[in-house]
Amino acid sequence: MTERFEVKPDPRLATSPADYAKPLEFGLKIRDKVTETHNAIIQIRDVRKQVDDLLKRIAGQPGFKVINDAATTLKKNLAAVEESLYQTKNQSSQDPLNYPIRLNNKLAALAGVVSSADAAPTDQSYAVYDKLVVQIDAQLAKLAQIMKTDVRWHLINW
């Protein structure tokens, strides 16, 4: 059985159809940046795991110390980017009280603010988004540089 119906706006609000579309558009934009951020975190963890696996395989081999030292530096650089994007210390529900949220969580929280209103996003929401994206993009650029120089160099020279 099917039933046709029409979704009508709240009659108490003077929100235009275009204003109703803006939170969706902005929410999708936020979602895409959060996804990009999370993909970077996944990439960092994947590289770190590959480095750890390599170190396990070559333990005790000649040249291990040189590779281990380079891997330690690489993992430290990757951790710095990851910790800017994502709070790695949260283990329990109480930990956010002790450790501040990071860029990915701030952006995700903005999505909640934008989607909670029956109106176009505020100028402040756009300003917060722009500020967070600049910070996230700076970290993504650092990651790209690490992947281009450090990871690539180490792969060639190991």
N, C-alpha and C. Protein backbone atom coordinates (compact mmCIF):
# COMPACT_ATOMS: atom_id res chain seq x y z
N MET A 1 0.84 -1.16 0.00
CA MET A 1 0.00 0.00 0.00
C MET A 1 0.90 1.24 0.00
N THR A 2 0.54 2.19 -0.74
CA THR A 2 1.29 3.45 -0.78
C THR A 2 0.35 4.60 -0.49
N GLU A 3 0.93 5.66 -0.02
CA GLU A 3 0.15 6.85 0.30
C GLU A 3 0.97 8.07 -0.11
N ARG A 4 0.36 8.96 -0.81
CA ARG A 4 1.03 10.19 -1.21
C ARG A 4 0.88 11.20 -0.08
N PHE A 5 1.93 11.97 0.12
CA PHE A 5 1.85 13.03 1.12
C PHE A 5 2.77 14.17 0.72
N GLU A 6 2.58 15.29 1.36
CA GLU A 6 3.39 16.47 1.08
C GLU A 6 4.00 16.94 2.40
N VAL A 7 5.29 17.18 2.36
CA VAL A 7 5.98 17.71 3.53
C VAL A 7 5.91 19.23 3.43
N LYS A 8 5.36 19.83 4.45
CA LYS A 8 5.20 21.28 4.46
C LYS A 8 6.11 21.88 5.53
N PRO A 9 6.57 23.09 5.26
CA PRO A 9 7.42 23.76 6.25
C PRO A 9 6.61 24.20 7.46
N ASP A 10 7.31 24.44 8.53
CA ASP A 10 6.69 24.95 9.74
C ASP A 10 6.07 26.32 9.42
N PRO A 11 4.79 26.47 9.59
CA PRO A 11 4.14 27.74 9.22
C PRO A 11 4.57 28.92 10.10
N ARG A 12 5.19 28.65 11.22
CA ARG A 12 5.64 29.74 12.10
C ARG A 12 6.94 30.36 11.60
N LEU A 13 7.61 29.70 10.65
CA LEU A 13 8.89 30.19 10.14
C LEU A 13 8.73 30.81 8.77
N ALA A 14 9.58 31.75 8.48
CA ALA A 14 9.56 32.40 7.17
C ALA A 14 10.75 31.92 6.34
N THR A 15 11.04 30.65 6.40
CA THR A 15 12.18 30.08 5.69
C THR A 15 11.78 29.76 4.26
N SER A 16 12.60 30.23 3.32
CA SER A 16 12.31 29.99 1.91
C SER A 16 12.80 28.59 1.52
N PRO A 17 12.30 28.06 0.41
CA PRO A 17 12.80 26.75 -0.06
C PRO A 17 14.31 26.77 -0.30
N ALA A 18 14.85 27.88 -0.77
CA ALA A 18 16.30 27.97 -0.99
C ALA A 18 17.05 27.89 0.34
N ASP A 19 16.48 28.52 1.37
CA ASP A 19 17.11 28.46 2.69
C ASP A 19 17.07 27.05 3.27
N TYR A 20 16.04 26.29 2.94
CA TYR A 20 15.98 24.90 3.39
C TYR A 20 17.06 24.05 2.71
N ALA A 21 17.41 24.41 1.48
CA ALA A 21 18.41 23.64 0.74
C ALA A 21 19.83 23.94 1.22
N LYS A 22 20.07 25.12 1.76
CA LYS A 22 21.42 25.51 2.15
C LYS A 22 22.03 24.62 3.24
N PRO A 23 21.29 24.24 4.29
CA PRO A 23 21.90 23.35 5.28
C PRO A 23 22.32 21.99 4.67
N LEU A 24 21.53 21.51 3.74
CA LEU A 24 21.89 20.24 3.10
C LEU A 24 23.19 20.40 2.30
N GLU A 25 23.26 21.44 1.49
CA GLU A 25 24.46 21.68 0.69
C GLU A 25 25.69 21.86 1.58
N PHE A 26 25.53 22.66 2.62
CA PHE A 26 26.66 22.91 3.52
C PHE A 26 27.00 21.65 4.31
N GLY A 27 26.00 20.91 4.73
CA GLY A 27 26.24 19.66 5.44
C GLY A 27 27.00 18.66 4.59
N LEU A 28 26.69 18.60 3.32
CA LEU A 28 27.42 17.70 2.42
C LEU A 28 28.87 18.14 2.25
N LYS A 29 29.07 19.44 2.21
CA LYS A 29 30.42 19.97 2.11
C LYS A 29 31.23 19.63 3.37
N ILE A 30 30.61 19.76 4.52
CA ILE A 30 31.25 19.39 5.78
C ILE A 30 31.55 17.90 5.80
N ARG A 31 30.57 17.09 5.39
CA ARG A 31 30.75 15.63 5.35
C ARG A 31 31.94 15.25 4.49
N ASP A 32 32.07 15.88 3.34
CA ASP A 32 33.17 15.55 2.44
C ASP A 32 34.53 15.88 3.06
N LYS A 33 34.62 16.98 3.79
CA LYS A 33 35.89 17.35 4.42
C LYS A 33 36.19 16.42 5.60
N VAL A 34 35.16 16.04 6.35
CA VAL A 34 35.37 15.08 7.44
C VAL A 34 35.84 13.75 6.87
N THR A 35 35.25 13.32 5.77
CA THR A 35 35.67 12.07 5.12
C THR A 35 37.12 12.16 4.67
N GLU A 36 37.49 13.27 4.07
CA GLU A 36 38.87 13.46 3.64
C GLU A 36 39.83 13.39 4.83
N THR A 37 39.42 14.00 5.93
CA THR A 37 40.23 13.98 7.15
C THR A 37 40.37 12.55 7.68
N HIS A 38 39.27 11.83 7.72
CA HIS A 38 39.31 10.45 8.22
C HIS A 38 40.12 9.55 7.30
N ASN A 39 40.04 9.77 6.00
CA ASN A 39 40.87 8.99 5.07
C ASN A 39 42.35 9.24 5.31
N ALA A 40 42.71 10.46 5.65
CA ALA A 40 44.11 10.77 5.97
C ALA A 40 44.54 10.04 7.23
N ILE A 41 43.68 10.00 8.22
CA ILE A 41 43.99 9.28 9.46
C ILE A 41 44.18 7.79 9.18
N ILE A 42 43.33 7.23 8.35
CA ILE A 42 43.45 5.82 7.97
C ILE A 42 44.77 5.59 7.25
N GLN A 43 45.14 6.50 6.36
CA GLN A 43 46.40 6.39 5.64
C GLN A 43 47.59 6.43 6.61
N ILE A 44 47.56 7.34 7.56
CA ILE A 44 48.63 7.43 8.56
C ILE A 44 48.76 6.12 9.32
N ARG A 45 47.66 5.58 9.76
CA ARG A 45 47.69 4.33 10.53
C ARG A 45 48.17 3.16 9.68
N ASP A 46 47.81 3.17 8.41
CA ASP A 46 48.25 2.12 7.50
C ASP A 46 49.77 2.18 7.31
N VAL A 47 50.30 3.36 7.08
CA VAL A 47 51.75 3.51 6.90
C VAL A 47 52.47 3.11 8.17
N ARG A 48 51.97 3.55 9.31
CA ARG A 48 52.60 3.19 10.58
C ARG A 48 52.60 1.67 10.79
N LYS A 49 51.52 1.02 10.44
CA LYS A 49 51.45 -0.44 10.57
C LYS A 49 52.45 -1.11 9.63
N GLN A 50 52.56 -0.61 8.41
CA GLN A 50 53.52 -1.18 7.47
C GLN A 50 54.95 -1.02 7.97
N VAL A 51 55.25 0.14 8.56
CA VAL A 51 56.59 0.37 9.11
C VAL A 51 56.85 -0.58 10.27
N ASP A 52 55.87 -0.73 11.16
CA ASP A 52 56.03 -1.66 12.28
C ASP A 52 56.23 -3.10 11.80
N ASP A 53 55.48 -3.49 10.79
CA ASP A 53 55.63 -4.84 10.23
C ASP A 53 57.02 -5.03 9.63
N LEU A 54 57.51 -4.01 8.94
CA LEU A 54 58.85 -4.07 8.36
C LEU A 54 59.90 -4.21 9.45
N LEU A 55 59.76 -3.44 10.50
CA LEU A 55 60.73 -3.51 11.61
C LEU A 55 60.74 -4.89 12.25
N LYS A 56 59.58 -5.50 12.38
CA LYS A 56 59.52 -6.86 12.94
C LYS A 56 60.24 -7.85 12.04
N ARG A 57 60.08 -7.69 10.73
CA ARG A 57 60.70 -8.63 9.78
C ARG A 57 62.21 -8.50 9.73
N ILE A 58 62.72 -7.31 9.93
CA ILE A 58 64.16 -7.12 9.77
C ILE A 58 64.91 -7.02 11.11
N ALA A 59 64.21 -7.22 12.21
CA ALA A 59 64.86 -7.16 13.52
C ALA A 59 66.05 -8.12 13.54
N GLY A 60 67.18 -7.62 14.03
CA GLY A 60 68.38 -8.43 14.12
C GLY A 60 69.21 -8.46 12.84
N GLN A 61 68.70 -7.90 11.77
CA GLN A 61 69.43 -7.87 10.50
C GLN A 61 70.47 -6.74 10.53
N PRO A 62 71.50 -6.85 9.68
CA PRO A 62 72.46 -5.74 9.57
C PRO A 62 71.73 -4.49 9.08
N GLY A 63 72.08 -3.35 9.62
CA GLY A 63 71.46 -2.09 9.22
C GLY A 63 70.14 -1.80 9.92
N PHE A 64 69.73 -2.67 10.84
CA PHE A 64 68.45 -2.49 11.52
C PHE A 64 68.38 -1.15 12.25
N LYS A 65 69.48 -0.77 12.92
CA LYS A 65 69.47 0.46 13.71
C LYS A 65 69.20 1.68 12.83
N VAL A 66 69.82 1.74 11.66
CA VAL A 66 69.61 2.87 10.76
C VAL A 66 68.15 2.95 10.32
N ILE A 67 67.60 1.81 9.97
CA ILE A 67 66.20 1.76 9.53
C ILE A 67 65.27 2.07 10.69
N ASN A 68 65.58 1.54 11.86
CA ASN A 68 64.76 1.79 13.03
C ASN A 68 64.76 3.28 13.39
N ASP A 69 65.91 3.91 13.32
CA ASP A 69 65.99 5.35 13.61
C ASP A 69 65.16 6.16 12.62
N ALA A 70 65.28 5.82 11.34
CA ALA A 70 64.50 6.51 10.31
C ALA A 70 63.00 6.27 10.52
N ALA A 71 62.65 5.03 10.87
CA ALA A 71 61.24 4.69 11.10
C ALA A 71 60.69 5.45 12.31
N THR A 72 61.50 5.60 13.33
CA THR A 72 61.07 6.33 14.52
C THR A 72 60.76 7.79 14.18
N THR A 73 61.63 8.40 13.39
CA THR A 73 61.40 9.78 12.96
C THR A 73 60.15 9.88 12.09
N LEU A 74 60.01 8.95 11.17
CA LEU A 74 58.83 8.94 10.30
C LEU A 74 57.55 8.80 11.12
N LYS A 75 57.53 7.86 12.04
CA LYS A 75 56.34 7.65 12.86
C LYS A 75 56.04 8.85 13.75
N LYS A 76 57.08 9.52 14.21
CA LYS A 76 56.88 10.72 15.02
C LYS A 76 56.22 11.82 14.17
N ASN A 77 56.68 11.99 12.94
CA ASN A 77 56.09 13.00 12.05
C ASN A 77 54.65 12.67 11.70
N LEU A 78 54.38 11.39 11.46
CA LEU A 78 53.00 10.97 11.16
C LEU A 78 52.09 11.16 12.37
N ALA A 79 52.61 10.86 13.56
CA ALA A 79 51.82 11.02 14.78
C ALA A 79 51.46 12.48 15.02
N ALA A 80 52.37 13.38 14.70
CA ALA A 80 52.08 14.80 14.89
C ALA A 80 50.90 15.24 14.04
N VAL A 81 50.85 14.77 12.81
CA VAL A 81 49.73 15.11 11.93
C VAL A 81 48.45 14.45 12.45
N GLU A 82 48.53 13.17 12.77
CA GLU A 82 47.35 12.45 13.26
C GLU A 82 46.77 13.11 14.51
N GLU A 83 47.64 13.50 15.43
CA GLU A 83 47.17 14.09 16.69
C GLU A 83 46.60 15.48 16.50
N SER A 84 46.94 16.14 15.41
CA SER A 84 46.30 17.42 15.11
C SER A 84 44.90 17.22 14.54
N LEU A 85 44.75 16.13 13.80
CA LEU A 85 43.46 15.86 13.16
C LEU A 85 42.49 15.11 14.08
N TYR A 86 43.02 14.26 14.95
CA TYR A 86 42.18 13.32 15.70
C TYR A 86 42.72 13.16 17.12
N GLN A 87 41.85 13.15 18.11
CA GLN A 87 42.27 12.95 19.50
C GLN A 87 42.55 11.47 19.72
N THR A 88 43.81 11.13 19.79
CA THR A 88 44.22 9.72 19.90
C THR A 88 44.19 9.20 21.33
N LYS A 89 44.03 10.07 22.31
CA LYS A 89 44.09 9.65 23.71
C LYS A 89 42.74 9.24 24.28
N ASN A 90 41.66 9.46 23.56
CA ASN A 90 40.34 9.09 24.07
C ASN A 90 40.19 7.58 24.09
N GLN A 91 39.95 7.04 25.26
CA GLN A 91 39.72 5.60 25.41
C GLN A 91 38.36 5.32 26.05
N SER A 92 37.91 6.21 26.90
CA SER A 92 36.63 6.01 27.57
C SER A 92 35.74 7.23 27.35
N SER A 93 34.51 7.13 27.80
CA SER A 93 33.57 8.23 27.60
C SER A 93 33.94 9.47 28.41
N GLN A 94 34.78 9.31 29.43
CA GLN A 94 35.20 10.44 30.26
C GLN A 94 36.41 11.16 29.69
N ASP A 95 37.15 10.52 28.78
CA ASP A 95 38.38 11.11 28.27
C ASP A 95 38.20 12.45 27.56
N PRO A 96 37.10 12.70 26.85
CA PRO A 96 36.96 14.04 26.25
C PRO A 96 36.97 15.17 27.27
N LEU A 97 36.73 14.85 28.52
CA LEU A 97 36.83 15.87 29.57
C LEU A 97 38.29 16.21 29.85
N ASN A 98 39.17 15.25 29.64
CA ASN A 98 40.59 15.42 29.94
C ASN A 98 41.42 15.82 28.73
N TYR A 99 40.98 15.43 27.55
CA TYR A 99 41.74 15.68 26.34
C TYR A 99 40.85 16.46 25.36
N PRO A 100 41.35 17.57 24.85
CA PRO A 100 40.51 18.40 23.97
C PRO A 100 40.21 17.73 22.64
N ILE A 101 39.07 18.09 22.07
CA ILE A 101 38.72 17.55 20.77
C ILE A 101 39.64 18.15 19.72
N ARG A 102 39.78 17.45 18.62
CA ARG A 102 40.67 17.88 17.54
C ARG A 102 39.85 18.34 16.34
N LEU A 103 40.54 18.60 15.26
CA LEU A 103 39.91 19.23 14.10
C LEU A 103 38.76 18.42 13.52
N ASN A 104 38.91 17.09 13.43
CA ASN A 104 37.83 16.29 12.84
C ASN A 104 36.55 16.38 13.67
N ASN A 105 36.70 16.38 14.98
CA ASN A 105 35.54 16.43 15.85
C ASN A 105 34.89 17.81 15.83
N LYS A 106 35.70 18.84 15.74
CA LYS A 106 35.16 20.20 15.67
C LYS A 106 34.32 20.36 14.40
N LEU A 107 34.84 19.82 13.30
CA LEU A 107 34.10 19.92 12.04
C LEU A 107 32.82 19.09 12.08
N ALA A 108 32.89 17.90 12.67
CA ALA A 108 31.69 17.07 12.79
C ALA A 108 30.65 17.74 13.69
N ALA A 109 31.10 18.42 14.74
CA ALA A 109 30.17 19.13 15.62
C ALA A 109 29.50 20.27 14.87
N LEU A 110 30.24 20.91 13.97
CA LEU A 110 29.64 21.97 13.17
C LEU A 110 28.51 21.42 12.30
N ALA A 111 28.68 20.21 11.81
CA ALA A 111 27.61 19.59 11.01
C ALA A 111 26.34 19.46 11.84
N GLY A 112 26.48 19.12 13.10
CA GLY A 112 25.32 19.02 13.99
C GLY A 112 24.63 20.35 14.18
N VAL A 113 25.41 21.40 14.31
CA VAL A 113 24.84 22.74 14.47
C VAL A 113 24.08 23.15 13.21
N VAL A 114 24.70 22.91 12.06
CA VAL A 114 24.09 23.31 10.79
C VAL A 114 22.80 22.55 10.54
N SER A 115 22.77 21.28 10.86
CA SER A 115 21.59 20.46 10.57
C SER A 115 20.48 20.63 11.60
N SER A 116 20.75 21.34 12.68
CA SER A 116 19.74 21.44 13.74
C SER A 116 18.74 22.58 13.54
N ALA A 117 18.97 23.40 12.54
CA ALA A 117 18.10 24.56 12.35
C ALA A 117 17.25 24.42 11.09
N ASP A 118 16.08 25.03 11.13
CA ASP A 118 15.21 25.10 9.96
C ASP A 118 15.44 26.42 9.24
N ALA A 119 16.70 26.72 9.02
CA ALA A 119 17.05 27.98 8.36
C ALA A 119 18.41 27.80 7.69
N ALA A 120 18.79 28.76 6.90
CA ALA A 120 20.10 28.73 6.27
C ALA A 120 21.18 28.80 7.34
N PRO A 121 22.34 28.21 7.08
CA PRO A 121 23.45 28.29 8.05
C PRO A 121 23.82 29.76 8.29
N THR A 122 24.27 30.04 9.49
CA THR A 122 24.65 31.40 9.83
C THR A 122 26.02 31.75 9.23
N ASP A 123 26.30 33.03 9.17
CA ASP A 123 27.61 33.47 8.72
C ASP A 123 28.71 32.92 9.63
N GLN A 124 28.39 32.80 10.92
CA GLN A 124 29.37 32.27 11.87
C GLN A 124 29.69 30.81 11.56
N SER A 125 28.71 30.05 11.13
CA SER A 125 28.95 28.65 10.77
C SER A 125 29.90 28.56 9.59
N TYR A 126 29.68 29.40 8.60
CA TYR A 126 30.59 29.42 7.45
C TYR A 126 32.00 29.86 7.87
N ALA A 127 32.08 30.82 8.77
CA ALA A 127 33.39 31.30 9.24
C ALA A 127 34.14 30.21 10.00
N VAL A 128 33.41 29.48 10.84
CA VAL A 128 34.04 28.36 11.58
C VAL A 128 34.50 27.30 10.60
N TYR A 129 33.69 26.98 9.62
CA TYR A 129 34.07 26.00 8.61
C TYR A 129 35.35 26.44 7.90
N ASP A 130 35.38 27.68 7.45
CA ASP A 130 36.56 28.18 6.73
C ASP A 130 37.81 28.09 7.60
N LYS A 131 37.69 28.45 8.86
CA LYS A 131 38.83 28.40 9.78
C LYS A 131 39.31 26.97 9.97
N LEU A 132 38.38 26.06 10.18
CA LEU A 132 38.75 24.66 10.39
C LEU A 132 39.35 24.04 9.14
N VAL A 133 38.81 24.37 7.98
CA VAL A 133 39.32 23.81 6.73
C VAL A 133 40.75 24.28 6.47
N VAL A 134 41.05 25.51 6.79
CA VAL A 134 42.43 26.00 6.62
C VAL A 134 43.37 25.18 7.49
N GLN A 135 42.97 24.91 8.73
CA GLN A 135 43.80 24.13 9.64
C GLN A 135 43.93 22.68 9.18
N ILE A 136 42.83 22.10 8.75
CA ILE A 136 42.86 20.72 8.26
C ILE A 136 43.71 20.62 7.00
N ASP A 137 43.51 21.53 6.08
CA ASP A 137 44.29 21.50 4.84
C ASP A 137 45.78 21.65 5.10
N ALA A 138 46.15 22.43 6.11
CA ALA A 138 47.57 22.56 6.46
C ALA A 138 48.12 21.21 6.93
N GLN A 139 47.34 20.48 7.72
CA GLN A 139 47.79 19.16 8.18
C GLN A 139 47.82 18.15 7.03
N LEU A 140 46.84 18.23 6.14
CA LEU A 140 46.83 17.33 4.98
C LEU A 140 48.02 17.62 4.06
N ALA A 141 48.40 18.88 3.96
CA ALA A 141 49.58 19.24 3.16
C ALA A 141 50.85 18.69 3.81
N LYS A 142 50.93 18.76 5.13
CA LYS A 142 52.08 18.17 5.84
C LYS A 142 52.14 16.67 5.57
N LEU A 143 50.98 16.01 5.64
CA LEU A 143 50.94 14.58 5.38
C LEU A 143 51.38 14.28 3.96
N ALA A 144 50.90 15.04 3.01
CA ALA A 144 51.29 14.82 1.62
C ALA A 144 52.79 14.99 1.45
N GLN A 145 53.37 15.97 2.13
CA GLN A 145 54.81 16.18 2.05
C GLN A 145 55.57 15.01 2.68
N ILE A 146 55.09 14.52 3.82
CA ILE A 146 55.72 13.36 4.47
C ILE A 146 55.65 12.16 3.54
N MET A 147 54.49 11.95 2.92
CA MET A 147 54.34 10.79 2.03
C MET A 147 55.23 10.94 0.80
N LYS A 148 55.37 12.16 0.31
CA LYS A 148 56.16 12.40 -0.90
C LYS A 148 57.65 12.29 -0.63
N THR A 149 58.09 12.85 0.48
CA THR A 149 59.52 12.90 0.74
C THR A 149 59.97 11.78 1.67
N ASP A 150 59.47 11.76 2.89
CA ASP A 150 59.96 10.81 3.89
C ASP A 150 59.66 9.36 3.53
N VAL A 151 58.40 9.06 3.25
CA VAL A 151 58.04 7.67 2.96
C VAL A 151 58.68 7.22 1.65
N ARG A 152 58.58 8.02 0.64
CA ARG A 152 59.15 7.66 -0.66
C ARG A 152 60.66 7.51 -0.56
N TRP A 153 61.33 8.43 0.12
CA TRP A 153 62.79 8.38 0.28
C TRP A 153 63.21 7.11 1.01
N HIS A 154 62.49 6.82 2.09
CA HIS A 154 62.84 5.64 2.88
C HIS A 154 62.61 4.36 2.09
N LEU A 155 61.56 4.31 1.32
CA LEU A 155 61.31 3.11 0.50
C LEU A 155 62.42 2.90 -0.51
N ILE A 156 62.89 3.98 -1.11
CA ILE A 156 63.95 3.87 -2.12
C ILE A 156 65.27 3.49 -1.47
N ASN A 157 65.55 4.06 -0.30
CA ASN A 157 66.86 3.87 0.33
C ASN A 157 66.93 2.69 1.29
N TRP A 158 65.83 2.05 1.60
CA TRP A 158 65.88 0.86 2.46
C TRP A 158 66.15 -0.31 1.56
